[in-house]
Amino acid sequence: MINLTDSAVNAAKSAISASAFPAGGLRIAVEAGGCAEFKYTMGLVARAEPDDTLIERDGLKVFVDNKSYRHLIGTTIDFVVALEGSGFTFDNPNAKSSCSCGRSFS
């Protein structure tokens, strides 16, 4: 299971409501690359793909492809506002290590 904090849900809902195109939800994926072996990617999408796992929380739809889902099981996604910058953070128990930017892991 992937967990989203209230802050992450609210930030995603705000992005969807401000989107210039019809967004049906938030896509979260893991791709090769970044400072470490894998990197997190996020973006608004119109709809789910056939191989997606759907996560719903407080009216927010989150789509995760099945390949990425394996890397994200148990992950908590938060949205943090800080002096250094605001953004989504990932607390991933499957990561052996992560880079200082927090956007990639191995």
Protein backbone atom coordinates (compact mmCIF):
# COMPACT_ATOMS: atom_id res chain seq x y z
CA MET A 1 0.00 0.00 0.00
CA ILE A 2 1.13 3.55 -0.72
CA ASN A 3 0.22 6.19 1.85
CA LEU A 4 -0.41 9.87 1.17
CA THR A 5 -0.46 12.42 3.97
CA ASP A 6 -3.21 15.02 4.20
CA SER A 7 -0.70 17.62 2.98
CA ALA A 8 0.15 15.54 -0.12
CA VAL A 9 -3.53 14.97 -0.92
CA ASN A 10 -4.31 18.68 -0.57
CA ALA A 11 -1.34 19.70 -2.75
CA ALA A 12 -2.33 17.23 -5.48
CA LYS A 13 -5.97 18.35 -5.38
CA SER A 14 -4.86 21.99 -5.67
CA ALA A 15 -2.71 21.14 -8.70
CA ILE A 16 -5.60 19.29 -10.33
CA SER A 17 -8.04 22.16 -9.76
CA ALA A 18 -5.52 24.67 -11.17
CA SER A 19 -4.66 22.51 -14.19
CA ALA A 20 -5.26 24.00 -17.63
CA PHE A 21 -6.32 20.59 -18.96
CA PRO A 22 -8.80 18.08 -17.53
CA ALA A 23 -6.85 15.99 -15.02
CA GLY A 24 -8.40 12.82 -13.68
CA GLY A 25 -5.67 12.17 -11.16
CA LEU A 26 -2.02 12.04 -10.22
CA ARG A 27 0.41 9.55 -11.78
CA ILE A 28 3.34 8.41 -9.66
CA ALA A 29 6.05 6.27 -11.23
CA VAL A 30 9.55 4.95 -10.68
CA GLU A 31 11.98 5.21 -13.59
CA ALA A 32 15.63 4.34 -14.12
CA GLY A 33 17.94 7.31 -13.58
CA GLY A 34 18.54 10.16 -11.20
CA CYS A 35 21.44 10.45 -8.76
CA ALA A 36 20.90 6.85 -7.70
CA GLU A 37 19.53 3.82 -9.55
CA PHE A 38 15.88 4.95 -9.70
CA LYS A 39 13.98 8.24 -9.61
CA TYR A 40 10.44 9.20 -8.67
CA THR A 41 8.27 10.95 -11.24
CA MET A 42 4.87 12.58 -10.78
CA GLY A 43 2.43 14.31 -13.04
CA LEU A 44 -1.21 15.00 -13.72
CA VAL A 45 -2.97 12.69 -16.18
CA ALA A 46 -6.44 12.49 -17.69
CA ARG A 47 -7.06 8.82 -16.88
CA ALA A 48 -5.60 5.52 -15.78
CA GLU A 49 -3.66 3.19 -18.07
CA PRO A 50 -4.68 -0.50 -18.36
CA ASP A 51 -1.86 -1.78 -16.09
CA ASP A 52 -2.34 0.82 -13.34
CA THR A 53 -3.10 0.26 -9.70
CA LEU A 54 -5.62 2.84 -8.51
CA ILE A 55 -5.29 4.42 -5.08
CA GLU A 56 -8.09 6.71 -3.91
CA ARG A 57 -7.88 8.97 -0.89
CA ASP A 58 -10.36 11.71 0.00
CA GLY A 59 -11.52 12.01 -3.61
CA LEU A 60 -7.99 12.04 -5.08
CA LYS A 61 -7.17 9.36 -7.64
CA VAL A 62 -3.54 8.23 -7.81
CA PHE A 63 -2.43 5.98 -10.66
CA VAL A 64 0.66 3.79 -10.33
CA ASP A 65 1.80 1.35 -13.01
CA ASN A 66 2.29 -2.17 -11.68
CA LYS A 67 6.05 -2.17 -12.31
CA SER A 68 6.49 1.00 -10.22
CA TYR A 69 4.08 -0.17 -7.54
CA ARG A 70 6.48 -2.95 -6.49
CA HIS A 71 9.12 -0.31 -5.65
CA LEU A 72 6.63 1.87 -3.76
CA ILE A 73 4.89 -0.62 -1.44
CA GLY A 74 4.88 0.87 2.05
CA THR A 75 5.98 4.34 0.87
CA THR A 76 4.57 7.44 2.51
CA ILE A 77 4.29 10.49 0.26
CA ASP A 78 4.15 13.90 1.90
CA PHE A 79 4.13 17.50 0.71
CA VAL A 80 6.51 19.67 2.72
CA VAL A 81 6.78 23.46 2.81
CA ALA A 82 10.29 24.53 3.86
CA LEU A 83 12.72 27.42 3.44
CA GLU A 84 14.79 25.34 1.02
CA GLY A 85 11.73 24.83 -1.15
CA SER A 86 8.41 23.08 -1.17
CA GLY A 87 7.62 19.76 -2.73
CA PHE A 88 6.67 16.13 -2.42
CA THR A 89 8.84 13.82 -0.34
CA PHE A 90 9.00 10.03 -0.37
CA ASP A 91 9.66 7.90 2.71
CA ASN A 92 10.33 4.58 0.99
CA PRO A 93 11.15 1.57 3.21
CA ASN A 94 12.33 -0.35 0.11
CA ALA A 95 15.14 2.11 -0.64
CA LYS A 96 18.59 0.89 0.38
CA SER A 97 19.91 4.42 -0.07
CA SER A 98 18.76 7.74 -1.44
CA CYS A 99 20.41 10.87 -2.74
CA SER A 100 20.38 14.16 -0.90
CA CYS A 101 17.68 15.62 -3.18
CA GLY A 102 15.27 12.88 -2.04
CA ARG A 103 14.06 12.26 -5.58
CA SER A 104 16.12 9.18 -6.39
CA PHE A 105 17.01 5.94 -4.61
CA SER A 106 18.54 2.53 -5.00
